[in-house]
Amino acid sequence: MSTQGISRDEWPAFFDSFSLRHQGWLVTVEVFGSDIGAQVEARELPLQGITAELKREGENAISIIVGDTQEHHVTHTIAAPTRVILKRTEEGADEAIEIESAARTTLVRFRSAVPTEMVDGIL
């Protein structure tokens, strides 16, 4: 597995592009923290998008939106994120995104990691 840190200034453009490439892919959203242990927020729901809101004043936030119906819709927001890491398989396929904040780490994992050039039969 390889990792790539995404700088804070790049978060909005990175997540816009990432969301377009992976919209509809099944993801699991997990939250880890010393105060809560490991919690699954959403399991194998379609990714609608990830957005980053960077503010000049106040707290930055990253929101993860998953689900395709009202019964299966989850928006998970990370307040004051400090770090974003893209994890890839040895073959170069996006496998997960890790978002850290002071107290917790949120992991967005794909059900199956496929190189984007192979999606929909495109090579």
C-alpha atoms as a PDB file:
ATOM      1  CA  MET A   1       0.000   0.000   0.000  1.00  0.00           C
ATOM      2  CA  SER A   2       1.204   3.507  -0.770  1.00  0.00           C
ATOM      3  CA  THR A   3       0.029   6.734   0.794  1.00  0.00           C
ATOM      4  CA  GLN A   4      -0.152  10.316  -0.407  1.00  0.00           C
ATOM      5  CA  GLY A   5      -0.711  13.267   1.891  1.00  0.00           C
ATOM      6  CA  ILE A   6      -2.972  15.978   0.488  1.00  0.00           C
ATOM      7  CA  SER A   7      -2.092  19.530   1.530  1.00  0.00           C
ATOM      8  CA  ARG A   8      -4.820  21.640   3.142  1.00  0.00           C
ATOM      9  CA  ASP A   9      -4.894  24.149   0.275  1.00  0.00           C
ATOM     10  CA  GLU A  10      -5.656  21.317  -2.159  1.00  0.00           C
ATOM     11  CA  TRP A  11      -8.527  19.760  -0.171  1.00  0.00           C
ATOM     12  CA  PRO A  12     -11.477  21.426  -1.969  1.00  0.00           C
ATOM     13  CA  ALA A  13     -10.209  20.675  -5.502  1.00  0.00           C
ATOM     14  CA  PHE A  14      -8.961  17.204  -4.510  1.00  0.00           C
ATOM     15  CA  PHE A  15     -12.310  16.175  -3.000  1.00  0.00           C
ATOM     16  CA  ASP A  16     -14.285  17.623  -5.942  1.00  0.00           C
ATOM     17  CA  SER A  17     -12.220  15.576  -8.399  1.00  0.00           C
ATOM     18  CA  PHE A  18     -12.178  12.495  -6.153  1.00  0.00           C
ATOM     19  CA  SER A  19     -15.958  12.639  -5.722  1.00  0.00           C
ATOM     20  CA  LEU A  20     -16.544  12.823  -9.474  1.00  0.00           C
ATOM     21  CA  ARG A  21     -14.290   9.799 -10.101  1.00  0.00           C
ATOM     22  CA  HIS A  22     -15.805   7.691  -7.328  1.00  0.00           C
ATOM     23  CA  GLN A  23     -19.457   8.744  -7.144  1.00  0.00           C
ATOM     24  CA  GLY A  24     -21.647   5.698  -6.597  1.00  0.00           C
ATOM     25  CA  TRP A  25     -18.801   3.433  -5.438  1.00  0.00           C
ATOM     26  CA  LEU A  26     -19.665   1.419  -2.327  1.00  0.00           C
ATOM     27  CA  VAL A  27     -17.835   2.641   0.763  1.00  0.00           C
ATOM     28  CA  THR A  28     -17.651   1.949   4.468  1.00  0.00           C
ATOM     29  CA  VAL A  29     -17.106   4.911   6.793  1.00  0.00           C
ATOM     30  CA  GLU A  30     -15.371   4.118  10.077  1.00  0.00           C
ATOM     31  CA  VAL A  31     -14.461   6.440  12.954  1.00  0.00           C
ATOM     32  CA  PHE A  32     -11.667   5.691  15.431  1.00  0.00           C
ATOM     33  CA  GLY A  33     -11.022   7.563  18.660  1.00  0.00           C
ATOM     34  CA  SER A  34      -9.695   6.896  22.131  1.00  0.00           C
ATOM     35  CA  ASP A  35     -13.010   8.102  23.574  1.00  0.00           C
ATOM     36  CA  ILE A  36     -15.268   5.978  21.320  1.00  0.00           C
ATOM     37  CA  GLY A  37     -13.116   3.079  20.104  1.00  0.00           C
ATOM     38  CA  ALA A  38     -13.964   1.965  16.557  1.00  0.00           C
ATOM     39  CA  GLN A  39     -17.411   2.856  15.187  1.00  0.00           C
ATOM     40  CA  VAL A  40     -18.926   2.081  11.780  1.00  0.00           C
ATOM     41  CA  GLU A  41     -20.926   5.111  10.590  1.00  0.00           C
ATOM     42  CA  ALA A  42     -21.984   3.575   7.260  1.00  0.00           C
ATOM     43  CA  ARG A  43     -21.419   0.161   5.707  1.00  0.00           C
ATOM     44  CA  GLU A  44     -21.204  -0.389   1.937  1.00  0.00           C
ATOM     45  CA  LEU A  45     -23.317   2.570   0.855  1.00  0.00           C
ATOM     46  CA  PRO A  46     -22.786   4.460  -2.420  1.00  0.00           C
ATOM     47  CA  LEU A  47     -20.525   7.486  -2.150  1.00  0.00           C
ATOM     48  CA  GLN A  48     -22.320  10.701  -3.096  1.00  0.00           C
ATOM     49  CA  GLY A  49     -19.356  12.950  -2.421  1.00  0.00           C
ATOM     50  CA  ILE A  50     -16.801  14.422  -0.064  1.00  0.00           C
ATOM     51  CA  THR A  51     -16.509  18.176   0.412  1.00  0.00           C
ATOM     52  CA  ALA A  52     -14.024  20.391   2.217  1.00  0.00           C
ATOM     53  CA  GLU A  53     -15.037  23.762   3.604  1.00  0.00           C
ATOM     54  CA  LEU A  54     -12.030  25.920   4.394  1.00  0.00           C
ATOM     55  CA  LYS A  55     -12.808  29.084   6.328  1.00  0.00           C
ATOM     56  CA  ARG A  56     -10.658  32.131   6.912  1.00  0.00           C
ATOM     57  CA  GLU A  57     -12.100  32.419  10.379  1.00  0.00           C
ATOM     58  CA  GLY A  58     -13.597  29.600  12.352  1.00  0.00           C
ATOM     59  CA  GLU A  59     -13.361  25.876  12.004  1.00  0.00           C
ATOM     60  CA  ASN A  60     -12.661  24.026   8.753  1.00  0.00           C
ATOM     61  CA  ALA A  61     -14.809  20.973   8.029  1.00  0.00           C
ATOM     62  CA  ILE A  62     -14.891  17.961   5.733  1.00  0.00           C
ATOM     63  CA  SER A  63     -18.215  16.230   5.030  1.00  0.00           C
ATOM     64  CA  ILE A  64     -18.678  12.722   3.671  1.00  0.00           C
ATOM     65  CA  ILE A  65     -22.067  12.016   2.091  1.00  0.00           C
ATOM     66  CA  VAL A  66     -23.126   8.417   1.390  1.00  0.00           C
ATOM     67  CA  GLY A  67     -26.355   6.598   0.567  1.00  0.00           C
ATOM     68  CA  ASP A  68     -28.916   6.699  -2.188  1.00  0.00           C
ATOM     69  CA  THR A  69     -32.245   6.836  -0.340  1.00  0.00           C
ATOM     70  CA  GLN A  70     -33.583   8.741   2.663  1.00  0.00           C
ATOM     71  CA  GLU A  71     -33.522   5.562   4.754  1.00  0.00           C
ATOM     72  CA  HIS A  72     -29.904   4.904   3.824  1.00  0.00           C
ATOM     73  CA  HIS A  73     -28.395   8.395   3.821  1.00  0.00           C
ATOM     74  CA  VAL A  74     -25.507   9.402   6.075  1.00  0.00           C
ATOM     75  CA  THR A  75     -23.601  12.666   6.253  1.00  0.00           C
ATOM     76  CA  HIS A  76     -20.537  12.447   8.461  1.00  0.00           C
ATOM     77  CA  THR A  77     -18.771  15.746   9.194  1.00  0.00           C
ATOM     78  CA  ILE A  78     -15.242  16.043  10.544  1.00  0.00           C
ATOM     79  CA  ALA A  79     -14.756  19.315  12.412  1.00  0.00           C
ATOM     80  CA  ALA A  80     -11.289  20.872  12.404  1.00  0.00           C
ATOM     81  CA  PRO A  81      -9.560  18.263  10.217  1.00  0.00           C
ATOM     82  CA  THR A  82      -5.782  18.304  10.448  1.00  0.00           C
ATOM     83  CA  ARG A  83      -4.625  15.826   7.813  1.00  0.00           C
ATOM     84  CA  VAL A  84      -5.899  13.982   4.714  1.00  0.00           C
ATOM     85  CA  ILE A  85      -4.186  10.872   3.372  1.00  0.00           C
ATOM     86  CA  LEU A  86      -5.059   8.963   0.190  1.00  0.00           C
ATOM     87  CA  LYS A  87      -4.242   5.247   0.416  1.00  0.00           C
ATOM     88  CA  ARG A  88      -3.628   3.234  -2.747  1.00  0.00           C
ATOM     89  CA  THR A  89      -3.085  -0.450  -3.479  1.00  0.00           C
ATOM     90  CA  GLU A  90       0.226  -1.704  -4.882  1.00  0.00           C
ATOM     91  CA  GLU A  91      -1.430  -1.542  -8.322  1.00  0.00           C
ATOM     92  CA  GLY A  92      -2.197   2.169  -7.847  1.00  0.00           C
ATOM     93  CA  ALA A  93      -5.956   1.886  -7.246  1.00  0.00           C
ATOM     94  CA  ASP A  94      -7.555   4.226  -4.693  1.00  0.00           C
ATOM     95  CA  GLU A  95      -8.296   2.087  -1.646  1.00  0.00           C
ATOM     96  CA  ALA A  96      -9.225   4.509   1.157  1.00  0.00           C
ATOM     97  CA  ILE A  97      -9.098   8.064   2.433  1.00  0.00           C
ATOM     98  CA  GLU A  98      -8.004   8.747   5.982  1.00  0.00           C
ATOM     99  CA  ILE A  99      -9.030  12.063   7.563  1.00  0.00           C
ATOM    100  CA  GLU A 100      -7.519  13.006  10.900  1.00  0.00           C
ATOM    101  CA  SER A 101      -8.666  15.541  13.468  1.00  0.00           C
ATOM    102  CA  ALA A 102      -7.378  16.225  16.957  1.00  0.00           C
ATOM    103  CA  ALA A 103      -9.491  13.554  18.652  1.00  0.00           C
ATOM    104  CA  ARG A 104     -10.479  11.089  15.921  1.00  0.00           C
ATOM    105  CA  THR A 105      -9.576   9.477  12.634  1.00  0.00           C
ATOM    106  CA  THR A 106     -12.180   8.811   9.943  1.00  0.00           C
ATOM    107  CA  LEU A 107     -11.534   6.159   7.322  1.00  0.00           C
ATOM    108  CA  VAL A 108     -13.501   5.924   4.064  1.00  0.00           C
ATOM    109  CA  ARG A 109     -12.805   2.494   2.531  1.00  0.00           C
ATOM    110  CA  PHE A 110     -13.924   1.242  -0.871  1.00  0.00           C
ATOM    111  CA  ARG A 111     -15.566  -2.163  -1.039  1.00  0.00           C
ATOM    112  CA  SER A 112     -13.221  -3.041  -3.887  1.00  0.00           C
ATOM    113  CA  ALA A 113     -10.292  -1.013  -5.090  1.00  0.00           C
ATOM    114  CA  VAL A 114     -10.183  -0.744  -8.865  1.00  0.00           C
ATOM    115  CA  PRO A 115      -7.867   1.498 -10.859  1.00  0.00           C
ATOM    116  CA  THR A 116     -10.050   4.290 -12.251  1.00  0.00           C
ATOM    117  CA  GLU A 117      -8.902   3.589 -15.812  1.00  0.00           C
ATOM    118  CA  MET A 118     -10.499   0.128 -15.534  1.00  0.00           C
ATOM    119  CA  VAL A 119     -13.931   1.360 -14.397  1.00  0.00           C
ATOM    120  CA  ASP A 120     -16.718   0.729 -16.913  1.00  0.00           C
ATOM    121  CA  GLY A 121     -14.365  -1.328 -19.070  1.00  0.00           C
ATOM    122  CA  ILE A 122     -12.156   1.595 -19.996  1.00  0.00           C
ATOM    123  CA  LEU A 123      -8.500   0.642 -20.145  1.00  0.00           C
END
